[in-house]
Amino acid sequence: VEQNGRSGGSPLAALALLIALTAVEPFAGLRRGALEAGRMLLAMRRLAPRLDSQEPVPLPPADAGTGLRLDAVSAAHAGSQTAILHGISLHVAEGERVALIGPSGAGKSTLLAIAARELAPLSGTVAAPRACLFTQQTELFQDSLRDNLRLADPAASDARLWEALQAAGLDDEVHAFAGGLDTMLGEGGLGLSGGQARRLALARLFLHESTLWLLDEATEALNAQTALDVLQRLRARCHGRTLLIATHLRREAALTDRLLSVRDGRIVGDARRGTPAFETALAGLRAD
């Protein structure tokens, strides 16, 4: 399994070999299953990034609370030694809501991957609580709607699944499906609209018992009305949690109380709500 962004060994290596061996007919069905299994492993790491780690990044000290601390962190893409984050030091306090803003390629998503323990730093230290990474891509699988939800909490009761769906604004639509929670999805969530798929992923986030939410362009592909509804639901559920968002959208950054400007792998600005710098930075982001 890929461990903290580095090649970690056998399960995914075996999966890659299986895919190679089944690249032609009559094994195409087996290959599709192997690809789906690989995508599920990736999604499970993002929902609970530490579960597969045999050599995890050291856990935070006991007094780290639910905040996030990075000290002099440099990082590269998996398999590379060329740093794209350079000496990042950052403290996000427990319960604080922070947005990472900056151009594409600045290092925002990499910083989230470090905070999620998907990627190990080249140098520096990371102290973070249990986190859930909500990425730009909605990871859904050829399985029942119930089991797609239970990736976040395998022991969740149906009552808890319905509660999460209600919080995400999807319960009425799922009740209208003939199969309800037993409705089967196709590969990639085939059978759901883009908005429904995003709300299902949101319900899965709500099911996850994490104190740190990491959101990467959470509403990028949604129309303005759906996006604003999703953000209102996030706001209603994030009380007591620490929130770190990577975004270039004003509507997402407005959810936060602090804006960190990232450029060329470095934090070059730090503005807090109520200051002129915050309003200037917010106004400079892409409008809804």
Protein backbone atom coordinates (compact mmCIF):
# COMPACT_ATOMS: atom_id res chain seq x y z
CA VAL A 1 0.00 0.00 0.00
CA GLU A 2 1.21 3.51 -0.68
CA GLN A 3 2.17 4.78 2.75
CA ASN A 4 2.06 8.54 3.45
CA GLY A 5 2.74 9.33 -0.19
CA ARG A 6 5.63 6.88 -0.65
CA SER A 7 5.64 3.45 -2.18
CA GLY A 8 4.83 1.14 0.68
CA GLY A 9 4.52 -2.31 -0.78
CA SER A 10 2.45 -5.28 -1.47
CA PRO A 11 -1.35 -4.68 -1.72
CA LEU A 12 -1.26 -1.99 -4.38
CA ALA A 13 1.77 -3.56 -6.05
CA ALA A 14 -0.13 -6.83 -6.31
CA LEU A 15 -3.13 -4.93 -7.60
CA ALA A 16 -0.99 -3.30 -10.31
CA LEU A 17 0.29 -6.74 -11.37
CA LEU A 18 -3.27 -8.08 -11.47
CA ILE A 19 -4.35 -5.18 -13.68
CA ALA A 20 -1.43 -5.79 -16.03
CA LEU A 21 -2.23 -9.50 -16.30
CA THR A 22 -5.88 -8.81 -17.04
CA ALA A 23 -5.41 -6.00 -19.56
CA VAL A 24 -6.95 -7.97 -22.44
CA GLU A 25 -10.07 -10.05 -22.94
CA PRO A 26 -11.39 -12.43 -21.69
CA PHE A 27 -10.28 -10.91 -18.37
CA ALA A 28 -11.70 -7.41 -18.84
CA GLY A 29 -14.31 -7.97 -16.11
CA LEU A 30 -11.61 -8.99 -13.65
CA ARG A 31 -9.60 -5.95 -14.64
CA ARG A 32 -12.55 -3.64 -13.99
CA GLY A 33 -12.95 -5.21 -10.57
CA ALA A 34 -9.26 -4.70 -9.83
CA LEU A 35 -9.46 -1.05 -10.86
CA GLU A 36 -12.53 -0.56 -8.67
CA ALA A 37 -10.73 -2.17 -5.72
CA GLY A 38 -7.81 0.18 -6.22
CA ARG A 39 -10.06 3.22 -6.25
CA MET A 40 -11.75 1.98 -3.08
CA LEU A 41 -8.39 1.62 -1.32
CA LEU A 42 -7.57 5.20 -2.25
CA ALA A 43 -10.91 6.50 -1.00
CA MET A 44 -10.58 4.60 2.27
CA ARG A 45 -7.16 6.18 2.82
CA ARG A 46 -8.68 9.61 2.24
CA LEU A 47 -11.54 8.93 4.65
CA ALA A 48 -9.19 7.49 7.28
CA PRO A 49 -5.64 8.14 6.05
CA ARG A 50 -3.82 6.37 8.88
CA LEU A 51 -5.55 2.99 8.73
CA ASP A 52 -3.17 1.45 6.18
CA SER A 53 0.07 2.91 7.44
CA GLN A 54 2.65 0.44 8.74
CA GLU A 55 5.19 3.23 9.26
CA PRO A 56 3.03 6.25 10.06
CA VAL A 57 4.16 9.80 10.47
CA PRO A 58 4.63 10.16 14.27
CA LEU A 59 1.36 10.88 16.04
CA PRO A 60 0.88 14.28 17.66
CA PRO A 61 1.67 14.74 21.35
CA ALA A 62 -1.18 14.14 23.74
CA ASP A 63 -1.81 17.88 24.23
CA ALA A 64 -2.16 18.60 20.49
CA GLY A 65 -5.95 18.74 20.84
CA THR A 66 -7.90 18.92 17.60
CA GLY A 67 -5.77 21.62 15.99
CA LEU A 68 -3.05 21.26 13.37
CA ARG A 69 0.62 22.17 13.57
CA LEU A 70 3.30 22.02 10.89
CA ASP A 71 6.86 23.03 11.72
CA ALA A 72 9.38 23.72 8.93
CA VAL A 73 7.69 21.23 6.60
CA SER A 74 9.05 20.66 3.11
CA ALA A 75 7.34 18.17 0.81
CA ALA A 76 7.43 16.72 -2.70
CA HIS A 77 5.08 14.73 -4.87
CA ALA A 78 5.12 10.98 -4.19
CA GLY A 79 8.27 9.40 -5.60
CA SER A 80 10.06 12.73 -6.04
CA GLN A 81 12.70 14.50 -3.98
CA THR A 82 12.06 17.90 -5.59
CA ALA A 83 10.33 20.02 -2.96
CA ILE A 84 7.12 21.81 -3.84
CA LEU A 85 6.49 22.96 -0.26
CA HIS A 86 9.36 24.85 1.34
CA GLY A 87 9.73 25.21 5.11
CA ILE A 88 6.02 25.61 5.88
CA SER A 89 5.26 26.47 9.50
CA LEU A 90 1.59 26.69 10.36
CA HIS A 91 -0.65 26.46 13.40
CA VAL A 92 -4.40 26.08 12.99
CA ALA A 93 -6.03 26.25 16.40
CA GLU A 94 -8.69 23.84 17.60
CA GLY A 95 -12.03 24.83 16.07
CA GLU A 96 -10.48 27.39 13.72
CA ARG A 97 -11.64 27.70 10.09
CA VAL A 98 -8.85 28.51 7.65
CA ALA A 99 -8.68 28.79 3.86
CA LEU A 100 -5.58 28.24 1.73
CA ILE A 101 -5.78 30.56 -1.27
CA GLY A 102 -3.45 31.04 -4.20
CA PRO A 103 -2.93 30.10 -7.84
CA SER A 104 -3.10 26.56 -9.18
CA GLY A 105 0.17 24.75 -8.54
CA ALA A 106 1.01 26.85 -5.49
CA GLY A 107 1.00 23.80 -3.20
CA LYS A 108 -2.43 24.04 -1.56
CA SER A 109 -3.51 20.45 -2.27
CA THR A 110 -0.09 19.13 -1.26
CA LEU A 111 -0.41 20.93 2.06
CA LEU A 112 -3.79 19.23 2.60
CA ALA A 113 -2.24 15.85 1.76
CA ILE A 114 0.44 16.48 4.41
CA ALA A 115 -2.21 17.40 6.99
CA ALA A 116 -4.19 14.25 6.08
CA ARG A 117 -1.07 12.06 6.43
CA GLU A 118 -1.50 10.93 2.80
CA LEU A 119 1.98 12.28 2.13
CA ALA A 120 5.05 12.21 4.36
CA PRO A 121 7.16 15.38 4.50
CA LEU A 122 10.73 15.45 3.23
CA SER A 123 11.60 17.33 6.40
CA GLY A 124 9.89 18.99 9.34
CA THR A 125 7.21 17.73 11.72
CA VAL A 126 3.43 17.36 11.56
CA ALA A 127 1.05 17.17 14.54
CA ALA A 128 -2.55 16.55 13.54
CA PRO A 129 -5.64 14.82 14.91
CA ARG A 130 -7.66 12.27 12.98
CA ALA A 131 -8.62 13.89 9.68
CA CYS A 132 -10.98 13.36 6.76
CA LEU A 133 -9.98 14.64 3.31
CA PHE A 134 -12.87 15.78 1.08
CA THR A 135 -11.33 16.00 -2.38
CA GLN A 136 -12.39 17.53 -5.70
CA GLN A 137 -13.21 14.05 -7.03
CA THR A 138 -16.19 12.21 -5.55
CA GLU A 139 -15.10 8.60 -4.93
CA LEU A 140 -18.13 6.34 -5.34
CA PHE A 141 -18.15 2.64 -6.16
CA GLN A 142 -20.14 -0.11 -7.84
CA ASP A 143 -21.97 -1.13 -4.71
CA SER A 144 -25.08 -0.22 -2.74
CA LEU A 145 -25.65 3.31 -1.58
CA ARG A 146 -25.54 1.97 1.99
CA ASP A 147 -22.09 0.43 1.56
CA ASN A 148 -20.75 3.55 -0.14
CA LEU A 149 -21.77 5.49 2.94
CA ARG A 150 -20.32 2.92 5.31
CA LEU A 151 -16.82 3.48 3.96
CA ALA A 152 -16.76 6.28 6.54
CA ASP A 153 -18.14 4.17 9.39
CA PRO A 154 -18.59 0.42 8.76
CA ALA A 155 -20.62 0.05 11.97
CA ALA A 156 -23.09 2.86 11.22
CA SER A 157 -26.73 1.91 11.72
CA ASP A 158 -29.32 2.66 9.07
CA ALA A 159 -30.73 5.35 11.36
CA ARG A 160 -27.35 7.06 11.43
CA LEU A 161 -27.04 6.78 7.64
CA TRP A 162 -30.42 8.46 7.21
CA GLU A 163 -29.42 11.20 9.65
CA ALA A 164 -26.28 11.90 7.60
CA LEU A 165 -28.28 11.91 4.36
CA GLN A 166 -30.75 14.36 5.90
CA ALA A 167 -27.91 16.63 7.02
CA ALA A 168 -26.54 16.55 3.46
CA GLY A 169 -29.95 17.28 1.91
CA LEU A 170 -30.20 13.94 0.09
CA ASP A 171 -32.65 11.97 2.24
CA ASP A 172 -35.81 12.81 0.27
CA GLU A 173 -34.22 11.74 -3.01
CA VAL A 174 -32.92 8.47 -1.54
CA HIS A 175 -36.37 7.75 -0.06
CA ALA A 176 -37.73 8.21 -3.59
CA PHE A 177 -35.38 5.56 -5.00
CA ALA A 178 -37.12 2.17 -5.29
CA GLY A 179 -34.24 0.50 -3.45
CA GLY A 180 -33.65 3.19 -0.84
CA LEU A 181 -30.33 2.51 0.86
CA ASP A 182 -30.06 -0.73 -1.13
CA THR A 183 -29.99 1.18 -4.43
CA MET A 184 -27.06 -0.09 -6.46
CA LEU A 185 -24.68 2.45 -7.96
CA GLY A 186 -22.65 1.89 -11.09
CA GLU A 187 -18.93 2.51 -11.45
CA GLY A 188 -18.04 6.02 -10.33
CA GLY A 189 -21.50 6.50 -8.83
CA LEU A 190 -23.30 5.94 -12.14
CA GLY A 191 -27.02 6.53 -11.58
CA LEU A 192 -26.58 9.72 -9.54
CA SER A 193 -26.42 13.27 -10.84
CA GLY A 194 -23.31 15.31 -10.10
CA GLY A 195 -25.10 17.18 -7.32
CA GLN A 196 -26.46 13.96 -5.78
CA ALA A 197 -23.01 12.37 -5.86
CA ARG A 198 -21.50 15.40 -4.12
CA ARG A 199 -24.18 15.33 -1.43
CA LEU A 200 -23.58 11.61 -0.90
CA ALA A 201 -19.90 12.36 -0.37
CA LEU A 202 -20.93 15.13 2.04
CA ALA A 203 -23.08 12.67 4.01
CA ARG A 204 -20.07 10.37 4.19
CA LEU A 205 -17.99 13.24 5.59
CA PHE A 206 -20.65 13.82 8.26
CA LEU A 207 -20.46 10.13 9.24
CA HIS A 208 -16.71 10.23 9.76
CA GLU A 209 -15.61 10.64 13.37
CA SER A 210 -12.83 13.11 12.68
CA THR A 211 -12.08 16.45 14.31
CA LEU A 212 -10.16 17.89 11.35
CA TRP A 213 -11.95 18.41 8.04
CA LEU A 214 -9.77 19.03 4.98
CA LEU A 215 -11.68 20.31 1.95
CA ASP A 216 -10.10 20.60 -1.50
CA GLU A 217 -12.19 22.75 -3.88
CA ALA A 218 -15.30 21.26 -2.28
CA THR A 219 -17.91 22.96 -4.51
CA GLU A 220 -15.91 23.58 -7.69
CA ALA A 221 -18.12 21.50 -10.02
CA LEU A 222 -21.48 22.55 -8.55
CA ASN A 223 -23.87 25.24 -9.73
CA ALA A 224 -24.12 28.31 -7.50
CA GLN A 225 -27.41 27.33 -5.81
CA THR A 226 -26.29 23.79 -4.96
CA ALA A 227 -22.86 25.01 -3.87
CA LEU A 228 -24.29 27.57 -1.46
CA ASP A 229 -26.62 24.94 0.03
CA VAL A 230 -23.71 22.51 0.50
CA LEU A 231 -21.63 25.23 2.18
CA GLN A 232 -24.50 26.15 4.52
CA ARG A 233 -24.79 22.50 5.53
CA LEU A 234 -21.04 22.30 6.12
CA ARG A 235 -21.23 25.42 8.29
CA ALA A 236 -24.06 23.90 10.33
CA ARG A 237 -22.12 20.67 10.98
CA CYS A 238 -18.56 21.89 11.51
CA HIS A 239 -19.07 23.31 15.01
CA GLY A 240 -16.26 22.09 17.25
CA ARG A 241 -14.19 20.86 14.32
CA THR A 242 -11.07 22.32 12.79
CA LEU A 243 -11.50 23.24 9.13
CA LEU A 244 -8.81 23.71 6.48
CA ILE A 245 -9.98 24.51 2.93
CA ALA A 246 -7.97 24.80 -0.29
CA THR A 247 -9.86 27.06 -2.66
CA HIS A 248 -9.84 29.84 -5.23
CA LEU A 249 -13.58 30.52 -4.83
CA ARG A 250 -14.91 33.41 -2.76
CA ARG A 251 -17.97 31.44 -1.63
CA GLU A 252 -15.78 28.75 -0.02
CA ALA A 253 -13.27 31.13 1.54
CA ALA A 254 -16.14 33.13 3.07
CA LEU A 255 -16.83 30.10 5.28
CA THR A 256 -13.56 30.75 7.11
CA ASP A 257 -12.16 33.36 9.49
CA ARG A 258 -8.57 33.29 8.28
CA LEU A 259 -7.00 33.37 4.81
CA LEU A 260 -3.50 32.01 4.17
CA SER A 261 -2.02 33.01 0.81
CA VAL A 262 0.15 30.27 -0.70
CA ARG A 263 2.55 30.94 -3.55
CA ASP A 264 5.41 28.83 -4.92
CA GLY A 265 5.15 26.41 -2.00
CA ARG A 266 5.35 29.07 0.71
CA ILE A 267 2.84 30.90 2.90
CA VAL A 268 3.19 34.55 1.91
CA GLY A 269 0.17 36.08 3.64
CA ASP A 270 -1.99 35.57 6.74
CA ALA A 271 -5.16 37.64 7.11
CA ARG A 272 -7.87 37.36 9.75
CA ARG A 273 -11.54 38.28 9.48
CA GLY A 274 -12.23 41.84 10.54
CA THR A 275 -9.05 43.23 9.01
CA PRO A 276 -8.70 45.14 5.71
CA ALA A 277 -6.24 42.49 4.51
CA PHE A 278 -8.90 39.78 4.88
CA GLU A 279 -11.49 41.74 2.89
CA THR A 280 -8.94 42.55 0.17
CA ALA A 281 -7.85 38.92 -0.14
CA LEU A 282 -11.46 37.69 -0.18
CA ALA A 283 -12.45 40.20 -2.86
CA GLY A 284 -9.57 39.02 -5.02
CA LEU A 285 -10.91 35.47 -5.25
CA ARG A 286 -13.08 34.20 -8.08
CA ALA A 287 -16.70 35.21 -7.67
CA ASP A 288 -19.46 32.62 -7.44
